[in-house]
């Protein structure tokens, strides 16, 4: 069978417990994990680009990031968390300015299991 994708390089995610989710566009590889940590890399070379700020839940904790999706234009990342919150982040220029949340949706009735 034809090999569609091959990993030639490893990267230290600096995520204790590893990553729970990933999403990729031509511009970003987004990986989320424990305590709300979400990291952005350049996918072709696995170069670190930036961190999405750790999300604080209403109770003050940092819930695990269970899902992430990078918008096709790479200007926004949507993350979902174990406390059933969804956050939309502005990632239009992660090296030039701070990544800030654009919208937060809290306390869905049921668990959120996927995001596209």
Protein backbone atom coordinates (compact mmCIF):
# COMPACT_ATOMS: atom_id res chain seq x y z
CA UNK A 1 0.00 0.00 0.00
CA UNK A 2 1.00 3.59 -0.63
CA UNK A 3 2.29 5.59 2.36
CA UNK A 4 0.18 8.72 2.66
CA UNK A 5 1.98 10.35 5.55
CA UNK A 6 5.30 9.67 7.23
CA UNK A 7 6.71 11.20 10.39
CA UNK A 8 10.39 11.98 10.08
CA UNK A 9 10.74 14.09 13.20
CA UNK A 10 9.62 13.97 16.83
CA UNK A 11 8.81 16.95 19.01
CA UNK A 12 8.58 17.30 22.77
CA UNK A 13 5.04 18.57 23.33
CA UNK A 14 5.81 19.52 26.93
CA UNK A 15 2.37 18.14 27.83
CA UNK A 16 2.44 15.96 30.94
CA UNK A 17 0.32 12.94 30.16
CA UNK A 18 0.56 13.52 26.40
CA UNK A 19 -1.91 15.02 24.00
CA UNK A 20 -5.63 14.24 23.82
CA UNK A 21 -6.46 15.93 20.53
CA UNK A 22 -4.96 17.38 17.40
CA UNK A 23 -5.98 19.36 14.37
CA UNK A 24 -3.91 20.50 11.42
CA UNK A 25 -3.99 22.96 8.54
CA UNK A 26 -1.17 23.92 6.20
CA UNK A 27 -0.16 26.62 8.69
CA UNK A 28 -0.69 25.03 12.15
CA UNK A 29 -0.61 21.75 13.99
CA UNK A 30 -2.65 22.23 17.16
CA UNK A 31 -2.33 19.74 20.05
CA UNK A 32 -4.30 19.87 23.31
CA UNK A 33 -3.83 18.00 26.57
CA UNK A 34 -4.04 18.01 30.37
CA UNK A 35 -4.88 21.12 32.39
CA UNK A 36 -6.05 23.01 29.30
CA UNK A 37 -2.66 23.19 27.65
CA UNK A 38 -2.84 23.73 23.89
CA UNK A 39 0.26 24.16 21.72
CA UNK A 40 0.69 25.35 18.12
CA UNK A 41 3.45 24.10 15.78
CA UNK A 42 4.36 24.52 12.12
CA UNK A 43 3.33 21.14 10.71
CA UNK A 44 6.08 20.58 8.14
CA UNK A 45 9.01 21.15 10.51
CA UNK A 46 7.30 20.78 13.93
CA UNK A 47 8.63 24.18 14.97
CA UNK A 48 6.92 25.61 18.07
CA UNK A 49 4.76 28.65 17.23
CA UNK A 50 2.95 29.46 20.47
CA UNK A 51 0.69 28.49 23.34
CA UNK A 52 -3.01 29.05 23.60
CA UNK A 53 -3.55 30.43 27.12
CA UNK A 54 -4.60 27.85 29.71
CA UNK A 55 -8.37 28.04 30.01
CA UNK A 56 -9.75 28.74 33.51
CA UNK A 57 -13.13 27.19 34.22
CA UNK A 58 -15.77 28.88 36.32
CA UNK A 59 -14.51 27.03 39.40
CA UNK A 60 -10.98 28.37 38.80
CA UNK A 61 -9.42 25.11 37.63
CA UNK A 62 -7.81 24.21 34.33
CA UNK A 63 -9.90 21.45 32.70
CA UNK A 64 -8.25 19.11 30.19
CA UNK A 65 -8.47 20.09 26.51
CA UNK A 66 -10.34 17.20 24.85
CA UNK A 67 -10.79 18.66 21.37
CA UNK A 68 -9.38 21.28 19.06
CA UNK A 69 -10.02 22.44 15.51
CA UNK A 70 -8.03 24.93 13.46
CA UNK A 71 -10.12 27.02 11.07
CA UNK A 72 -9.25 26.49 7.38
CA UNK A 73 -7.69 29.98 7.22
CA UNK A 74 -5.74 29.27 10.48
CA UNK A 75 -6.94 32.55 12.02
CA UNK A 76 -9.02 30.86 14.72
CA UNK A 77 -8.73 27.77 16.88
CA UNK A 78 -11.71 26.27 18.66
CA UNK A 79 -11.02 24.19 21.77
CA UNK A 80 -13.33 22.10 23.90
CA UNK A 81 -12.69 21.23 27.51
CA UNK A 82 -13.59 18.55 30.03
CA UNK A 83 -15.86 20.97 31.92
CA UNK A 84 -18.06 21.14 28.76
CA UNK A 85 -16.85 24.59 27.70
CA UNK A 86 -15.94 25.69 24.17
CA UNK A 87 -13.57 28.58 23.48
CA UNK A 88 -12.82 30.33 20.17
CA UNK A 89 -9.30 31.80 20.06
CA UNK A 90 -7.79 34.42 17.73
CA UNK A 91 -4.64 32.87 16.25
CA UNK A 92 -4.24 35.27 13.33
CA UNK A 93 -0.73 36.31 14.46
CA UNK A 94 0.48 34.17 17.40
CA UNK A 95 4.07 35.44 17.30
CA UNK A 96 3.17 39.09 16.87
CA UNK A 97 0.50 39.46 19.54
CA UNK A 98 -1.11 37.66 22.43
CA UNK A 99 -3.58 34.89 21.58
CA UNK A 100 -6.91 35.98 23.07
CA UNK A 101 -10.29 34.34 23.40
CA UNK A 102 -13.00 35.71 21.13
CA UNK A 103 -15.92 33.77 22.58
CA UNK A 104 -16.49 31.31 25.44
CA UNK A 105 -19.49 29.02 25.73
CA UNK A 106 -19.87 27.50 29.22
CA UNK A 107 -21.62 24.53 30.78
CA UNK A 108 -23.27 22.56 28.02
CA UNK A 109 -25.84 20.07 29.33
CA UNK A 110 -23.96 17.04 28.02
CA UNK A 111 -20.37 16.16 27.20
CA UNK A 112 -19.03 17.57 23.93
CA UNK A 113 -17.34 14.72 22.09
CA UNK A 114 -16.10 16.25 18.85
CA UNK A 115 -15.51 19.49 17.01
CA UNK A 116 -14.93 20.14 13.32
